Amino acid sequence: MNGGSTNDAGGHDGDRTPLVVLLRSLTVGQAWGIAVAIVALIGGSAGIGALVQSVHDEEKVAQKDRTISELTDQKNSTVAELKDRERQALDRERQATANVEGVTSVLANMQARERALKGKAEFLERFLTYRLQPSDLSKKLFVDHVCALWRQSQELSIHVEFGRLDVTPFDLRRGLTPEVRKFLEANGVSGSLLDQAAGPEPARVFPQAPQVTRTPANAIEQLEGQVQGVMLKKGVTFFDGATYRVPDEIAVAVHGNSNCAPH
């Protein structure tokens, strides 16, 4: 039985053809055919590998491009959002500035109105004191206050107007205050005529008629023409439209004072 088993194995080995024997049995043509087939097979495998590598590389490039595109889109979106927020912040800042300026303007107007009211109240108080309690002190206080009004006319919203000096024949006849007389003479009014207007009537010597040209009436007539053109600041209009005329002796004291000029 052992011998049979050996023969079967030997018979099986006998069916196998060694590769060397097979190669030796090939003709030259067959050998070249097999060689060409093997080379073709190896080349095909290399080509497939290169193709696979190429596809892989293209995918990597495409992925990189997609990443760059996504990052670019995100950057652009972020920049746009930042610009929009900056614009909104600027709009809020401008609105806040406008609100502050508006409130500041309202407060400034209220403060200016309050100052103007105080100025008017003090003016009326000084004016009434001057009229009701005439004295050197009340006159000086009124002059000082009118001077301050003239000087601060812009701040207090006061309009100062020029007016004609109100000198009546009665005023000329009884004599003018030193301030008014000085102001008139400084503006070209004859001092001798002022003296004559306030002087006594000339004595009448009969049967001769008095010299008409030297009478107070004649002097007053001449003075009226000279005084009529003399103008000075004497009207004051407050913010509410109320207008008052300052007495001549007060107006002339303020008009010629350079310290009372608006600043």
Protein backbone atom coordinates (compact mmCIF):
# COMPACT_ATOMS: atom_id res chain seq x y z
CA MET A 1 0.00 0.00 0.00
CA ASN A 2 2.88 2.26 0.73
CA GLY A 3 4.34 1.69 -2.69
CA GLY A 4 1.06 2.56 -4.39
CA SER A 5 0.90 5.77 -2.59
CA THR A 6 4.37 6.65 -3.75
CA ASN A 7 3.55 5.95 -7.33
CA ASP A 8 0.48 8.16 -7.17
CA ALA A 9 2.53 11.02 -5.81
CA GLY A 10 5.22 10.44 -8.36
CA GLY A 11 2.65 10.32 -11.08
CA HIS A 12 1.19 13.67 -9.88
CA ASP A 13 4.60 15.33 -9.91
CA GLY A 14 5.13 14.06 -13.33
CA ASP A 15 2.14 16.13 -14.54
CA ARG A 16 3.86 19.37 -13.45
CA THR A 17 6.17 21.06 -16.00
CA PRO A 18 9.06 23.07 -14.50
CA LEU A 19 9.20 26.76 -15.62
CA VAL A 20 12.77 26.31 -16.84
CA VAL A 21 11.77 23.35 -19.02
CA LEU A 22 8.81 25.36 -20.31
CA LEU A 23 10.98 28.35 -21.19
CA ARG A 24 13.54 26.10 -22.90
CA SER A 25 10.81 24.58 -24.99
CA LEU A 26 9.67 27.99 -26.35
CA THR A 27 10.72 29.14 -29.74
CA VAL A 28 12.33 32.56 -30.20
CA GLY A 29 9.11 34.01 -31.57
CA GLN A 30 7.10 32.70 -28.69
CA ALA A 31 9.62 34.08 -26.21
CA TRP A 32 9.46 37.53 -27.77
CA GLY A 33 5.66 37.40 -27.74
CA ILE A 34 5.59 36.58 -24.07
CA ALA A 35 8.17 39.30 -23.33
CA VAL A 36 6.11 41.88 -25.21
CA ALA A 37 2.99 40.81 -23.34
CA ILE A 38 4.75 41.12 -20.00
CA VAL A 39 6.11 44.56 -20.88
CA ALA A 40 2.68 45.65 -22.03
CA LEU A 41 1.18 44.38 -18.83
CA ILE A 42 3.75 46.23 -16.73
CA GLY A 43 3.31 49.42 -18.80
CA GLY A 44 -0.45 49.23 -18.47
CA SER A 45 -0.19 48.92 -14.74
CA ALA A 46 2.11 51.95 -14.64
CA GLY A 47 -0.30 53.95 -16.81
CA ILE A 48 -3.23 53.07 -14.61
CA GLY A 49 -1.20 54.10 -11.57
CA ALA A 50 -0.26 57.40 -13.21
CA LEU A 51 -3.89 58.02 -14.14
CA VAL A 52 -5.02 57.32 -10.61
CA GLN A 53 -2.29 59.63 -9.25
CA SER A 54 -3.31 62.35 -11.74
CA VAL A 55 -6.95 62.13 -10.70
CA HIS A 56 -5.89 62.27 -7.05
CA ASP A 57 -3.73 65.36 -7.69
CA GLU A 58 -6.55 67.13 -9.55
CA GLU A 59 -8.90 66.42 -6.67
CA LYS A 60 -6.39 67.92 -4.25
CA VAL A 61 -6.09 71.05 -6.43
CA ALA A 62 -9.88 71.31 -6.72
CA GLN A 63 -10.24 70.92 -2.95
CA LYS A 64 -7.61 73.61 -2.43
CA ASP A 65 -9.43 75.93 -4.86
CA ARG A 66 -12.72 75.30 -3.07
CA THR A 67 -11.10 76.07 0.28
CA ILE A 68 -9.60 79.30 -1.06
CA SER A 69 -12.95 80.27 -2.58
CA GLU A 70 -14.77 79.59 0.69
CA LEU A 71 -12.23 81.54 2.69
CA THR A 72 -12.44 84.43 0.20
CA ASP A 73 -16.23 84.46 0.44
CA GLN A 74 -16.05 84.43 4.24
CA LYS A 75 -13.50 87.27 4.22
CA ASN A 76 -15.63 89.36 1.85
CA SER A 77 -18.72 88.70 3.96
CA THR A 78 -16.86 89.65 7.13
CA VAL A 79 -15.51 92.86 5.56
CA ALA A 80 -18.98 93.78 4.30
CA GLU A 81 -20.46 93.17 7.74
CA LEU A 82 -17.74 95.29 9.37
CA LYS A 83 -18.37 98.13 6.91
CA ASP A 84 -22.10 97.92 7.54
CA ARG A 85 -21.58 98.05 11.29
CA GLU A 86 -19.17 100.94 10.88
CA ARG A 87 -21.75 102.78 8.78
CA GLN A 88 -24.42 102.14 11.39
CA ALA A 89 -22.08 103.36 14.13
CA LEU A 90 -21.33 106.53 12.15
CA ASP A 91 -25.05 107.09 11.59
CA ARG A 92 -25.71 106.71 15.31
CA GLU A 93 -22.82 109.04 16.09
CA ARG A 94 -24.10 111.67 13.66
CA GLN A 95 -27.59 111.34 15.08
CA ALA A 96 -26.27 111.63 18.62
CA THR A 97 -24.20 114.67 17.62
CA ALA A 98 -27.24 116.26 16.00
CA ASN A 99 -29.30 115.56 19.12
CA VAL A 100 -26.61 117.07 21.34
CA GLU A 101 -26.29 120.11 19.08
CA GLY A 102 -30.05 120.50 19.06
CA VAL A 103 -30.26 120.33 22.84
CA THR A 104 -27.27 122.66 23.16
CA SER A 105 -28.93 125.13 20.80
CA VAL A 106 -32.18 125.01 22.75
CA LEU A 107 -30.33 125.52 26.03
CA ALA A 108 -28.33 128.39 24.54
CA ASN A 109 -31.54 130.05 23.32
CA MET A 110 -33.15 129.58 26.72
CA GLN A 111 -30.12 131.07 28.45
CA ALA A 112 -30.04 133.99 26.02
CA ARG A 113 -33.75 134.61 26.59
CA GLU A 114 -33.24 134.48 30.34
CA ARG A 115 -30.41 137.02 30.12
CA ALA A 116 -32.55 139.23 27.90
CA LEU A 117 -35.45 139.05 30.39
CA LYS A 118 -33.15 139.98 33.24
CA GLY A 119 -31.74 142.87 31.21
CA LYS A 120 -35.20 144.17 30.40
CA ALA A 121 -36.39 143.84 34.01
CA GLU A 122 -33.39 145.75 35.29
CA PHE A 123 -33.82 148.42 32.59
CA LEU A 124 -37.43 149.02 33.61
CA GLU A 125 -36.47 149.12 37.28
CA ARG A 126 -33.73 151.70 36.66
CA PHE A 127 -36.00 153.71 34.38
CA LEU A 128 -38.80 153.87 36.95
CA THR A 129 -36.39 154.79 39.74
CA TYR A 130 -34.96 157.57 37.57
CA ARG A 131 -38.44 158.92 36.83
CA LEU A 132 -40.00 158.48 40.27
CA GLN A 133 -36.98 159.30 42.40
CA PRO A 134 -34.86 161.75 40.42
CA SER A 135 -31.44 162.22 41.92
CA ASP A 136 -27.79 162.15 40.92
CA LEU A 137 -27.58 158.56 42.14
CA SER A 138 -30.63 157.29 40.22
CA LYS A 139 -29.40 159.11 37.13
CA LYS A 140 -25.92 157.57 37.39
CA LEU A 141 -27.35 154.09 37.93
CA PHE A 142 -29.58 154.49 34.90
CA VAL A 143 -26.70 155.79 32.75
CA ASP A 144 -24.51 152.86 33.81
CA HIS A 145 -27.24 150.37 33.02
CA VAL A 146 -28.02 151.83 29.59
CA CYS A 147 -24.28 151.82 28.87
CA ALA A 148 -24.15 148.12 29.72
CA LEU A 149 -27.15 147.46 27.47
CA TRP A 150 -25.48 149.22 24.55
CA ARG A 151 -22.25 147.28 25.16
CA GLN A 152 -23.98 143.88 25.44
CA SER A 153 -26.68 144.51 22.85
CA GLN A 154 -25.72 141.46 20.77
CA GLU A 155 -25.58 139.09 23.72
CA LEU A 156 -28.90 140.33 25.09
CA SER A 157 -30.67 140.36 21.70
CA ILE A 158 -31.24 144.10 21.94
CA HIS A 159 -31.60 146.40 18.96
CA VAL A 160 -30.33 149.93 19.51
CA GLU A 161 -31.86 152.62 17.30
CA PHE A 162 -30.87 156.14 16.44
CA GLY A 163 -33.32 158.92 17.08
CA ARG A 164 -33.54 162.68 16.89
CA LEU A 165 -32.65 164.66 19.96
CA ASP A 166 -35.92 165.92 21.42
CA VAL A 167 -35.23 169.53 22.35
CA THR A 168 -38.36 171.65 22.55
CA PRO A 169 -38.55 175.44 22.55
CA PHE A 170 -39.50 175.19 26.18
CA ASP A 171 -36.30 173.23 26.90
CA LEU A 172 -34.24 175.87 25.09
CA ARG A 173 -35.96 178.67 26.92
CA ARG A 174 -35.48 177.26 30.41
CA GLY A 175 -31.92 176.09 29.66
CA LEU A 176 -30.46 172.70 28.88
CA THR A 177 -28.62 170.32 31.15
CA PRO A 178 -24.82 170.50 30.89
CA GLU A 179 -24.67 167.07 29.19
CA VAL A 180 -27.19 167.99 26.48
CA ARG A 181 -25.65 171.41 25.87
CA LYS A 182 -22.17 169.90 25.54
CA PHE A 183 -23.47 167.28 23.12
CA LEU A 184 -25.23 169.91 20.98
CA GLU A 185 -22.17 172.15 20.82
CA ALA A 186 -20.06 169.14 19.87
CA ASN A 187 -22.44 168.61 16.97
CA GLY A 188 -22.18 172.18 15.65
CA VAL A 189 -25.00 173.94 17.51
CA SER A 190 -24.19 177.56 18.35
CA GLY A 191 -23.40 178.12 22.01
CA SER A 192 -24.20 181.84 21.78
CA LEU A 193 -27.65 181.07 20.44
CA LEU A 194 -28.20 178.66 23.32
CA ASP A 195 -27.24 181.41 25.76
CA GLN A 196 -29.49 183.87 23.97
CA ALA A 197 -32.41 181.44 23.92
CA ALA A 198 -32.17 180.96 27.66
CA GLY A 199 -31.40 184.63 28.38
CA PRO A 200 -33.72 187.43 29.43
CA GLU A 201 -35.86 189.36 27.04
CA PRO A 202 -34.13 192.58 25.90
CA ALA A 203 -35.35 195.73 27.55
CA ARG A 204 -37.81 197.74 25.56
CA VAL A 205 -36.76 201.36 25.21
CA PHE A 206 -39.56 203.48 23.94
CA PRO A 207 -40.14 204.90 21.47
CA GLN A 208 -37.55 202.57 19.84
CA ALA A 209 -38.60 199.00 19.04
CA PRO A 210 -36.46 196.16 20.50
CA GLN A 211 -33.89 194.47 18.33
CA VAL A 212 -35.79 191.43 17.13
CA THR A 213 -32.65 189.56 16.09
CA ARG A 214 -31.44 189.38 19.71
CA THR A 215 -34.59 188.05 21.34
CA PRO A 216 -34.84 184.53 22.81
CA ALA A 217 -37.63 183.76 20.36
CA ASN A 218 -35.39 184.56 17.41
CA ALA A 219 -32.56 182.44 18.87
CA ILE A 220 -34.93 179.54 19.48
CA GLU A 221 -36.19 179.74 15.93
CA GLN A 222 -32.64 179.48 14.61
CA LEU A 223 -31.74 176.70 17.02
CA GLU A 224 -34.67 174.55 16.00
CA GLY A 225 -33.18 174.19 12.53
CA GLN A 226 -29.76 173.27 13.92
CA VAL A 227 -31.00 170.85 16.56
CA GLN A 228 -33.32 169.01 14.17
CA GLY A 229 -30.47 167.21 12.39
CA VAL A 230 -28.73 165.98 15.54
CA MET A 231 -29.11 162.21 15.91
CA LEU A 232 -27.98 159.84 18.63
CA LYS A 233 -28.65 156.39 20.02
CA LYS A 234 -31.71 156.60 22.19
CA GLY A 235 -34.10 153.80 21.23
CA VAL A 236 -33.86 150.29 22.63
CA THR A 237 -35.94 147.36 21.36
CA PHE A 238 -35.93 144.15 23.39
CA PHE A 239 -36.27 140.59 22.08
CA ASP A 240 -40.04 140.62 22.59
CA GLY A 241 -40.49 143.72 20.42
CA ALA A 242 -41.00 146.20 23.27
CA THR A 243 -39.34 149.54 22.44
CA TYR A 244 -38.42 152.35 24.83
CA ARG A 245 -37.00 155.83 24.31
CA VAL A 246 -34.18 156.79 26.62
CA PRO A 247 -34.35 160.39 27.96
CA ASP A 248 -32.00 162.78 26.16
CA GLU A 249 -29.74 163.49 29.12
CA ILE A 250 -29.23 159.73 29.57
CA ALA A 251 -28.76 159.11 25.85
CA VAL A 252 -26.14 161.85 25.40
CA ALA A 253 -24.18 160.57 28.42
CA VAL A 254 -24.03 157.09 26.88
CA HIS A 255 -23.69 158.08 23.22
CA GLY A 256 -20.38 159.86 23.66
CA ASN A 257 -18.86 157.20 25.93
CA SER A 258 -16.56 154.85 23.99
CA ASN A 259 -16.80 152.30 26.82
CA CYS A 260 -20.45 151.80 25.95
CA ALA A 261 -19.77 150.72 22.35
CA PRO A 262 -20.76 147.12 21.49
CA HIS A 263 -17.95 144.57 21.82
